[in-house]
C-alpha atoms as a PDB file:
ATOM      1  CA  MET A   1     -41.277 -10.791  51.187  1.00  0.00           C
ATOM      2  CA  ASN A   2     -39.634 -13.930  49.876  1.00  0.00           C
ATOM      3  CA  SER A   3     -36.309 -13.424  48.136  1.00  0.00           C
ATOM      4  CA  LEU A   4     -35.872 -14.478  44.545  1.00  0.00           C
ATOM      5  CA  PRO A   5     -34.288 -17.870  43.907  1.00  0.00           C
ATOM      6  CA  SER A   6     -30.516 -17.648  43.526  1.00  0.00           C
ATOM      7  CA  CYS A   7     -30.657 -19.085  39.986  1.00  0.00           C
ATOM      8  CA  VAL A   8     -33.003 -16.260  38.908  1.00  0.00           C
ATOM      9  CA  VAL A   9     -30.707 -13.671  40.470  1.00  0.00           C
ATOM     10  CA  LEU A  10     -27.689 -15.126  38.660  1.00  0.00           C
ATOM     11  CA  LYS A  11     -29.525 -15.127  35.336  1.00  0.00           C
ATOM     12  CA  PHE A  12     -30.632 -11.546  35.900  1.00  0.00           C
ATOM     13  CA  ARG A  13     -27.070 -10.431  36.693  1.00  0.00           C
ATOM     14  CA  ALA A  14     -25.745 -12.261  33.635  1.00  0.00           C
ATOM     15  CA  ALA A  15     -28.350 -10.575  31.434  1.00  0.00           C
ATOM     16  CA  VAL A  16     -27.439  -7.155  32.815  1.00  0.00           C
ATOM     17  CA  LEU A  17     -23.724  -7.808  32.298  1.00  0.00           C
ATOM     18  CA  LEU A  18     -24.304  -8.990  28.728  1.00  0.00           C
ATOM     19  CA  SER A  19     -26.390  -5.891  27.977  1.00  0.00           C
ATOM     20  CA  LEU A  20     -23.645  -3.659  29.328  1.00  0.00           C
ATOM     21  CA  LEU A  21     -21.015  -5.427  27.242  1.00  0.00           C
ATOM     22  CA  LEU A  22     -23.120  -5.161  24.090  1.00  0.00           C
ATOM     23  CA  PHE A  23     -23.872  -1.500  24.750  1.00  0.00           C
ATOM     24  CA  SER A  24     -20.194  -0.804  25.385  1.00  0.00           C
ATOM     25  CA  GLY A  25     -19.189  -2.626  22.215  1.00  0.00           C
ATOM     26  CA  MET A  26     -21.650  -0.676  20.117  1.00  0.00           C
ATOM     27  CA  ASN A  27     -20.467   2.647  21.471  1.00  0.00           C
ATOM     28  CA  GLN A  28     -16.734   2.016  21.330  1.00  0.00           C
ATOM     29  CA  ALA A  29     -16.040   1.754  17.617  1.00  0.00           C
ATOM     30  CA  LYS A  30     -12.799   0.187  16.503  1.00  0.00           C
ATOM     31  CA  SER A  31     -10.238   2.693  15.335  1.00  0.00           C
ATOM     32  CA  ILE A  32      -7.276   2.049  13.046  1.00  0.00           C
ATOM     33  CA  VAL A  33      -4.616   4.242  11.467  1.00  0.00           C
ATOM     34  CA  VAL A  34      -3.824   3.896   7.773  1.00  0.00           C
ATOM     35  CA  THR A  35      -0.620   5.483   6.513  1.00  0.00           C
ATOM     36  CA  ALA A  36       0.444   5.999   2.909  1.00  0.00           C
ATOM     37  CA  GLY A  37       2.680   7.951   0.602  1.00  0.00           C
ATOM     38  CA  GLU A  38       0.966  10.670  -1.422  1.00  0.00           C
ATOM     39  CA  TRP A  39       0.106   9.539  -4.955  1.00  0.00           C
ATOM     40  CA  PRO A  40      -2.260  11.797  -6.936  1.00  0.00           C
ATOM     41  CA  GLY A  41      -5.469  10.016  -7.769  1.00  0.00           C
ATOM     42  CA  TYR A  42      -4.704   7.144  -5.404  1.00  0.00           C
ATOM     43  CA  THR A  43      -3.988   8.541  -1.922  1.00  0.00           C
ATOM     44  CA  HIS A  44      -4.826  12.065  -0.786  1.00  0.00           C
ATOM     45  CA  ALA A  45      -4.388  13.681   2.622  1.00  0.00           C
ATOM     46  CA  ASN A  46      -8.151  14.294   2.873  1.00  0.00           C
ATOM     47  CA  GLY A  47      -8.786  10.552   2.710  1.00  0.00           C
ATOM     48  CA  SER A  48      -9.923  10.458  -0.903  1.00  0.00           C
ATOM     49  CA  GLY A  49      -8.288   8.435  -3.654  1.00  0.00           C
ATOM     50  CA  LEU A  50      -8.723   5.029  -5.298  1.00  0.00           C
ATOM     51  CA  TYR A  51      -6.699   3.002  -2.783  1.00  0.00           C
ATOM     52  CA  PHE A  52      -8.544   4.418   0.218  1.00  0.00           C
ATOM     53  CA  ASP A  53     -11.904   3.910  -1.512  1.00  0.00           C
ATOM     54  CA  ILE A  54     -11.083   0.250  -2.172  1.00  0.00           C
ATOM     55  CA  LEU A  55      -9.852  -0.310   1.380  1.00  0.00           C
ATOM     56  CA  ARG A  56     -12.993   1.202   2.915  1.00  0.00           C
ATOM     57  CA  GLU A  57     -15.336  -0.883   0.810  1.00  0.00           C
ATOM     58  CA  ALA A  58     -13.294  -4.065   1.217  1.00  0.00           C
ATOM     59  CA  LEU A  59     -13.267  -3.810   5.011  1.00  0.00           C
ATOM     60  CA  ASN A  60     -16.871  -2.560   5.084  1.00  0.00           C
ATOM     61  CA  GLN A  61     -17.269  -2.592   8.869  1.00  0.00           C
ATOM     62  CA  PRO A  62     -19.745   0.055  10.113  1.00  0.00           C
ATOM     63  CA  ASP A  63     -18.011   0.339  13.487  1.00  0.00           C
ATOM     64  CA  LEU A  64     -14.530   0.703  12.002  1.00  0.00           C
ATOM     65  CA  LYS A  65     -13.067   4.201  11.983  1.00  0.00           C
ATOM     66  CA  MET A  66     -10.135   4.770   9.642  1.00  0.00           C
ATOM     67  CA  HIS A  67      -7.755   7.606  10.408  1.00  0.00           C
ATOM     68  CA  ILE A  68      -5.753   8.513   7.303  1.00  0.00           C
ATOM     69  CA  ARG A  69      -2.155   9.711   7.548  1.00  0.00           C
ATOM     70  CA  VAL A  70      -0.561  10.714   4.229  1.00  0.00           C
ATOM     71  CA  SER A  71       3.024  11.937   3.845  1.00  0.00           C
ATOM     72  CA  ASN A  72       6.018  11.048   1.697  1.00  0.00           C
ATOM     73  CA  TRP A  73       6.581   7.320   1.270  1.00  0.00           C
ATOM     74  CA  LYS A  74       9.680   7.137   3.460  1.00  0.00           C
ATOM     75  CA  ARG A  75       7.896   8.771   6.387  1.00  0.00           C
ATOM     76  CA  ALA A  76       4.810   6.596   5.926  1.00  0.00           C
ATOM     77  CA  LYS A  77       6.880   3.428   5.959  1.00  0.00           C
ATOM     78  CA  HIS A  78       8.803   4.577   9.028  1.00  0.00           C
ATOM     79  CA  SER A  79       5.524   5.315  10.824  1.00  0.00           C
ATOM     80  CA  PHE A  80       4.324   1.772  10.162  1.00  0.00           C
ATOM     81  CA  LEU A  81       7.651   0.272  11.238  1.00  0.00           C
ATOM     82  CA  ALA A  82       7.486   2.293  14.459  1.00  0.00           C
ATOM     83  CA  GLY A  83       4.049   0.863  15.276  1.00  0.00           C
ATOM     84  CA  ARG A  84       2.145   4.115  14.786  1.00  0.00           C
ATOM     85  CA  ALA A  85      -0.082   2.720  12.028  1.00  0.00           C
ATOM     86  CA  ASP A  86      -2.128  -0.450  11.529  1.00  0.00           C
ATOM     87  CA  ILE A  87      -2.060  -0.550   7.719  1.00  0.00           C
ATOM     88  CA  LEU A  88       0.560   0.644   5.235  1.00  0.00           C
ATOM     89  CA  ILE A  89      -0.562   1.536   1.698  1.00  0.00           C
ATOM     90  CA  CYS A  90       1.121  -0.142  -0.132  1.00  0.00           C
ATOM     91  CA  ASP A  91       4.285  -2.177  -0.834  1.00  0.00           C
ATOM     92  CA  TYR A  92       5.735  -5.159  -2.662  1.00  0.00           C
ATOM     93  CA  LYS A  93       5.522  -8.502  -0.885  1.00  0.00           C
ATOM     94  CA  THR A  94       8.898  -9.082   0.752  1.00  0.00           C
ATOM     95  CA  VAL A  95      10.198 -10.883   3.815  1.00  0.00           C
ATOM     96  CA  GLN A  96       9.793  -8.319   6.583  1.00  0.00           C
ATOM     97  CA  SER A  97       9.551  -9.170  10.275  1.00  0.00           C
ATOM     98  CA  GLY A  98       6.252  -8.068  11.796  1.00  0.00           C
ATOM     99  CA  TRP A  99       4.555  -7.476   8.431  1.00  0.00           C
ATOM    100  CA  PHE A 100       1.565  -9.506   7.231  1.00  0.00           C
ATOM    101  CA  TYR A 101       0.350  -9.569   3.627  1.00  0.00           C
ATOM    102  CA  PRO A 102      -3.165 -10.508   2.464  1.00  0.00           C
ATOM    103  CA  ARG A 103      -3.911 -12.726  -0.545  1.00  0.00           C
ATOM    104  CA  TRP A 104      -5.395  -9.886  -2.591  1.00  0.00           C
ATOM    105  CA  HIS A 105      -3.114  -7.146  -3.823  1.00  0.00           C
ATOM    106  CA  LEU A 106      -4.328  -3.581  -4.202  1.00  0.00           C
ATOM    107  CA  ASP A 107      -2.798  -2.763  -7.573  1.00  0.00           C
ATOM    108  CA  TYR A 108       0.102  -3.588  -9.879  1.00  0.00           C
ATOM    109  CA  ASP A 109       3.143  -1.344  -9.955  1.00  0.00           C
ATOM    110  CA  PRO A 110       4.455  -0.861 -13.519  1.00  0.00           C
ATOM    111  CA  SER A 111       7.967  -1.925 -14.443  1.00  0.00           C
ATOM    112  CA  VAL A 112      10.804   0.130 -12.962  1.00  0.00           C
ATOM    113  CA  ASN A 113      13.438   1.523 -15.328  1.00  0.00           C
ATOM    114  CA  VAL A 114      16.919   2.987 -14.995  1.00  0.00           C
ATOM    115  CA  TYR A 115      17.069   6.133 -17.155  1.00  0.00           C
ATOM    116  CA  SER A 116      20.250   7.752 -18.414  1.00  0.00           C
ATOM    117  CA  MET A 117      21.149  10.431 -20.949  1.00  0.00           C
ATOM    118  CA  SER A 118      23.442   8.049 -22.830  1.00  0.00           C
ATOM    119  CA  ALA A 119      23.098   4.316 -23.311  1.00  0.00           C
ATOM    120  CA  LEU A 120      24.598   2.067 -20.650  1.00  0.00           C
ATOM    121  CA  ALA A 121      26.254  -1.170 -21.726  1.00  0.00           C
ATOM    122  CA  SER A 122      25.112  -2.647 -18.414  1.00  0.00           C
ATOM    123  CA  LEU A 123      24.075  -1.561 -14.949  1.00  0.00           C
ATOM    124  CA  ALA A 124      27.614  -2.327 -13.780  1.00  0.00           C
ATOM    125  CA  GLU A 125      28.607   1.064 -15.239  1.00  0.00           C
ATOM    126  CA  LEU A 126      26.730   2.725 -12.376  1.00  0.00           C
ATOM    127  CA  ALA A 127      29.201   1.523  -9.744  1.00  0.00           C
ATOM    128  CA  ASP A 128      30.100   4.426  -7.421  1.00  0.00           C
ATOM    129  CA  GLN A 129      28.140   6.850  -9.643  1.00  0.00           C
ATOM    130  CA  PRO A 130      25.398   9.254  -8.422  1.00  0.00           C
ATOM    131  CA  VAL A 131      22.060   7.555  -9.014  1.00  0.00           C
ATOM    132  CA  GLY A 132      18.737   8.969  -7.892  1.00  0.00           C
ATOM    133  CA  TRP A 133      15.217   7.867  -7.010  1.00  0.00           C
ATOM    134  CA  VAL A 134      12.278   9.291  -5.094  1.00  0.00           C
ATOM    135  CA  LEU A 135      12.672   9.521  -1.325  1.00  0.00           C
ATOM    136  CA  GLY A 136      11.940   6.198   0.369  1.00  0.00           C
ATOM    137  CA  TYR A 137      11.675   4.073  -2.773  1.00  0.00           C
ATOM    138  CA  ASP A 138      14.989   2.305  -2.015  1.00  0.00           C
ATOM    139  CA  PHE A 139      15.517   1.149  -5.588  1.00  0.00           C
ATOM    140  CA  ASP A 140      19.210   0.615  -4.896  1.00  0.00           C
ATOM    141  CA  GLN A 141      18.317  -2.769  -3.403  1.00  0.00           C
ATOM    142  CA  TYR A 142      17.676  -4.010  -6.943  1.00  0.00           C
ATOM    143  CA  LEU A 143      20.933  -2.732  -8.414  1.00  0.00           C
ATOM    144  CA  PRO A 144      23.836  -5.192  -8.893  1.00  0.00           C
ATOM    145  CA  VAL A 145      26.424  -2.608  -7.772  1.00  0.00           C
ATOM    146  CA  GLN A 146      26.898  -0.011  -5.041  1.00  0.00           C
ATOM    147  CA  VAL A 147      26.035   3.540  -6.115  1.00  0.00           C
ATOM    148  CA  LYS A 148      26.058   7.012  -4.585  1.00  0.00           C
ATOM    149  CA  ALA A 149      22.436   7.260  -3.535  1.00  0.00           C
ATOM    150  CA  TYR A 150      20.611  10.534  -4.200  1.00  0.00           C
ATOM    151  CA  GLU A 151      17.031  10.693  -2.951  1.00  0.00           C
ATOM    152  CA  VAL A 152      14.781  13.389  -4.408  1.00  0.00           C
ATOM    153  CA  ALA A 153      11.372  14.780  -3.497  1.00  0.00           C
ATOM    154  CA  SER A 154       9.700  14.029  -6.841  1.00  0.00           C
ATOM    155  CA  HIS A 155      10.152  12.280 -10.167  1.00  0.00           C
ATOM    156  CA  ALA A 156      10.208  15.658 -11.924  1.00  0.00           C
ATOM    157  CA  GLU A 157      13.136  16.801  -9.788  1.00  0.00           C
ATOM    158  CA  GLY A 158      15.014  13.593 -10.508  1.00  0.00           C
ATOM    159  CA  PHE A 159      14.729  13.968 -14.265  1.00  0.00           C
ATOM    160  CA  GLN A 160      15.848  17.591 -14.032  1.00  0.00           C
ATOM    161  CA  LEU A 161      18.977  16.546 -12.149  1.00  0.00           C
ATOM    162  CA  LEU A 162      19.614  13.863 -14.760  1.00  0.00           C
ATOM    163  CA  VAL A 163      19.364  16.356 -17.630  1.00  0.00           C
ATOM    164  CA  HIS A 164      21.725  18.780 -15.904  1.00  0.00           C
ATOM    165  CA  GLY A 165      24.365  16.118 -15.332  1.00  0.00           C
ATOM    166  CA  ARG A 166      23.940  15.908 -11.554  1.00  0.00           C
ATOM    167  CA  LEU A 167      22.978  12.251 -11.817  1.00  0.00           C
ATOM    168  CA  LYS A 168      24.425   9.445 -13.887  1.00  0.00           C
ATOM    169  CA  ALA A 169      21.032   7.740 -13.848  1.00  0.00           C
ATOM    170  CA  PHE A 170      17.580   8.173 -12.388  1.00  0.00           C
ATOM    171  CA  ILE A 171      15.305   5.255 -11.482  1.00  0.00           C
ATOM    172  CA  SER A 172      11.618   5.786 -12.153  1.00  0.00           C
ATOM    173  CA  TYR A 173       8.602   4.706 -14.214  1.00  0.00           C
ATOM    174  CA  GLN A 174       7.719   5.345 -17.849  1.00  0.00           C
ATOM    175  CA  MET A 175       4.602   7.282 -16.804  1.00  0.00           C
ATOM    176  CA  HIS A 176       6.762   9.921 -15.081  1.00  0.00           C
ATOM    177  CA  VAL A 177       9.164  10.600 -17.947  1.00  0.00           C
ATOM    178  CA  PRO A 178       8.617  14.188 -19.182  1.00  0.00           C
ATOM    179  CA  VAL A 179       7.265  14.276 -22.730  1.00  0.00           C
ATOM    180  CA  ALA A 180      10.164  16.460 -23.878  1.00  0.00           C
ATOM    181  CA  LEU A 181      12.665  13.808 -22.732  1.00  0.00           C
ATOM    182  CA  GLN A 182      11.014  10.652 -24.020  1.00  0.00           C
ATOM    183  CA  SER A 183      13.089  10.538 -27.218  1.00  0.00           C
ATOM    184  CA  GLN A 184      16.342  11.551 -25.501  1.00  0.00           C
ATOM    185  CA  LEU A 185      16.635   9.009 -22.707  1.00  0.00           C
ATOM    186  CA  SER A 186      18.027   5.520 -22.682  1.00  0.00           C
ATOM    187  CA  ALA A 187      16.344   2.976 -20.428  1.00  0.00           C
ATOM    188  CA  ILE A 188      17.133  -0.403 -18.896  1.00  0.00           C
ATOM    189  CA  GLU A 189      14.395  -2.329 -17.070  1.00  0.00           C
ATOM    190  CA  LEU A 190      15.364  -2.831 -13.432  1.00  0.00           C
ATOM    191  CA  HIS A 191      12.455  -5.082 -12.515  1.00  0.00           C
ATOM    192  CA  GLN A 192       9.155  -6.086 -14.063  1.00  0.00           C
ATOM    193  CA  ALA A 193       5.685  -5.023 -12.965  1.00  0.00           C
ATOM    194  CA  ARG A 194       4.893  -6.312  -9.488  1.00  0.00           C
ATOM    195  CA  ALA A 195       1.857  -6.588  -7.250  1.00  0.00           C
ATOM    196  CA  MET A 196       1.493  -4.040  -4.448  1.00  0.00           C
ATOM    197  CA  TYR A 197      -0.237  -5.023  -1.219  1.00  0.00           C
ATOM    198  CA  PRO A 198      -1.716  -3.238   1.753  1.00  0.00           C
ATOM    199  CA  VAL A 199       0.544  -4.260   4.641  1.00  0.00           C
ATOM    200  CA  PHE A 200      -0.951  -5.301   7.972  1.00  0.00           C
ATOM    201  CA  ARG A 201       0.712  -5.864  11.319  1.00  0.00           C
ATOM    202  CA  ASP A 202       1.563  -9.489  12.068  1.00  0.00           C
ATOM    203  CA  ASP A 203      -0.596  -9.764  15.178  1.00  0.00           C
ATOM    204  CA  LEU A 204      -4.148 -10.855  15.947  1.00  0.00           C
ATOM    205  CA  GLN A 205      -5.781  -7.577  14.914  1.00  0.00           C
ATOM    206  CA  GLY A 206      -3.647  -7.316  11.804  1.00  0.00           C
ATOM    207  CA  ARG A 207      -4.518 -10.833  10.673  1.00  0.00           C
ATOM    208  CA  LEU A 208      -8.217 -10.275  11.335  1.00  0.00           C
ATOM    209  CA  LEU A 209      -8.122  -7.048   9.316  1.00  0.00           C
ATOM    210  CA  ALA A 210      -6.284  -8.835   6.498  1.00  0.00           C
ATOM    211  CA  LYS A 211      -8.892 -11.618   6.518  1.00  0.00           C
ATOM    212  CA  ALA A 212     -11.711  -9.060   6.341  1.00  0.00           C
ATOM    213  CA  TYR A 213      -9.879  -7.284   3.507  1.00  0.00           C
ATOM    214  CA  ASP A 214      -9.469 -10.516   1.516  1.00  0.00           C
ATOM    215  CA  GLU A 215     -13.125 -11.436   1.958  1.00  0.00           C
ATOM    216  CA  GLY A 216     -14.134  -7.927   0.943  1.00  0.00           C
ATOM    217  CA  MET A 217     -11.912  -7.887  -2.139  1.00  0.00           C
ATOM    218  CA  LEU A 218     -13.411 -11.169  -3.325  1.00  0.00           C
ATOM    219  CA  ARG A 219     -16.878  -9.707  -2.858  1.00  0.00           C
ATOM    220  CA  LEU A 220     -15.961  -6.498  -4.729  1.00  0.00           C
ATOM    221  CA  TYR A 221     -14.382  -8.478  -7.571  1.00  0.00           C
ATOM    222  CA  GLN A 222     -17.263 -10.916  -8.004  1.00  0.00           C
ATOM    223  CA  SER A 223     -19.894  -8.176  -7.890  1.00  0.00           C
ATOM    224  CA  GLY A 224     -18.077  -5.995 -10.441  1.00  0.00           C
ATOM    225  CA  ARG A 225     -17.776  -3.180  -7.920  1.00  0.00           C
ATOM    226  CA  LEU A 226     -13.971  -3.308  -8.005  1.00  0.00           C
ATOM    227  CA  LYS A 227     -13.980  -2.586 -11.726  1.00  0.00           C
ATOM    228  CA  THR A 228     -16.382   0.306 -11.151  1.00  0.00           C
ATOM    229  CA  LEU A 229     -14.093   1.804  -8.497  1.00  0.00           C
ATOM    230  CA  PHE A 230     -11.157   1.802 -10.909  1.00  0.00           C
ATOM    231  CA  ASN A 231     -13.307   3.577 -13.506  1.00  0.00           C
ATOM    232  CA  ASN A 232     -10.658   2.862 -16.130  1.00  0.00           C
ATOM    233  CA  ALA A 233     -10.720  -0.363 -18.128  1.00  0.00           C
ATOM    234  CA  VAL A 234      -6.997  -0.284 -18.972  1.00  0.00           C
ATOM    235  CA  LEU A 235      -5.824   0.355 -15.395  1.00  0.00           C
ATOM    236  CA  TYR A 236      -8.220  -2.281 -14.086  1.00  0.00           C
ATOM    237  CA  GLN A 237      -6.877  -4.838 -16.557  1.00  0.00           C
ATOM    238  CA  GLN A 238      -3.305  -3.965 -15.588  1.00  0.00           C
ATOM    239  CA  ALA A 239      -4.119  -4.648 -11.936  1.00  0.00           C
ATOM    240  CA  ARG A 240      -4.491  -8.381 -12.742  1.00  0.00           C
ATOM    241  CA  PHE A 241      -7.064  -9.204 -10.087  1.00  0.00           C
ATOM    242  CA  SER A 242      -8.185 -12.225 -12.104  1.00  0.00           C
ATOM    243  CA  GLU A 243      -4.886 -13.912 -11.175  1.00  0.00           C
ATOM    244  CA  VAL A 244      -5.885 -13.890  -7.502  1.00  0.00           C
ATOM    245  CA  ALA A 245      -9.504 -14.868  -8.151  1.00  0.00           C
ATOM    246  CA  GLU A 246      -8.425 -17.940 -10.119  1.00  0.00           C
ATOM    247  CA  LYS A 247      -6.157 -19.225  -7.316  1.00  0.00           C
ATOM    248  CA  ALA A 248      -7.502 -21.263  -4.439  1.00  0.00           C
ATOM    249  CA  PRO A 249      -6.984 -19.750  -0.965  1.00  0.00           C
ATOM    250  CA  ASP A 250      -3.816 -20.834   0.831  1.00  0.00           C
END
């Protein structure tokens, strides 16, 4: 029996190889780890929450498996820094080696305030005084003076320590001030509301994920789906997504 022409054999082998590659690609789904601090309503250990919902729909890749890791913010950030996560939810845009930020933010953080039981003439009065904030928030980087840092597990604990005189000041947000204390506290704005971004790794996969996220966010914004996900007109307005939509891509 005559053998098949060599060109036919080569084409057949190439077709088989391509089929194997395609089959392998379809059955080996991409897997990424997403780490975040725990914020009720936004990030939950079971993978629910607004930020995770947005991320899933923005990426919208059927073969992409997201493994959620939720802990306190300090631990989440350390996990990302140590290379054990592909995406960090979420942080301000700062100069950080190995971090890559997309064009579209995920939300807007409200203004940060320094709360005290008596009025401060200026933040300079906090020099060498015990000042607290939630574990991992590192608000001392915005203070003009060195303080005795006191990290706490929750905003509620921080305000309790402030009331009992354990802290000279506590740095937090207006939304976390206990109702009973709202008329008793003095506040100085530490920094204004700022955009918060999902952070990607500054490598090929990280940049590709960030590109997919940006494309997905534009799609969600233009379709109105992003507003639906927020399910709160005031919070959606505060997120200021229109500012990104109106700017041309870099």
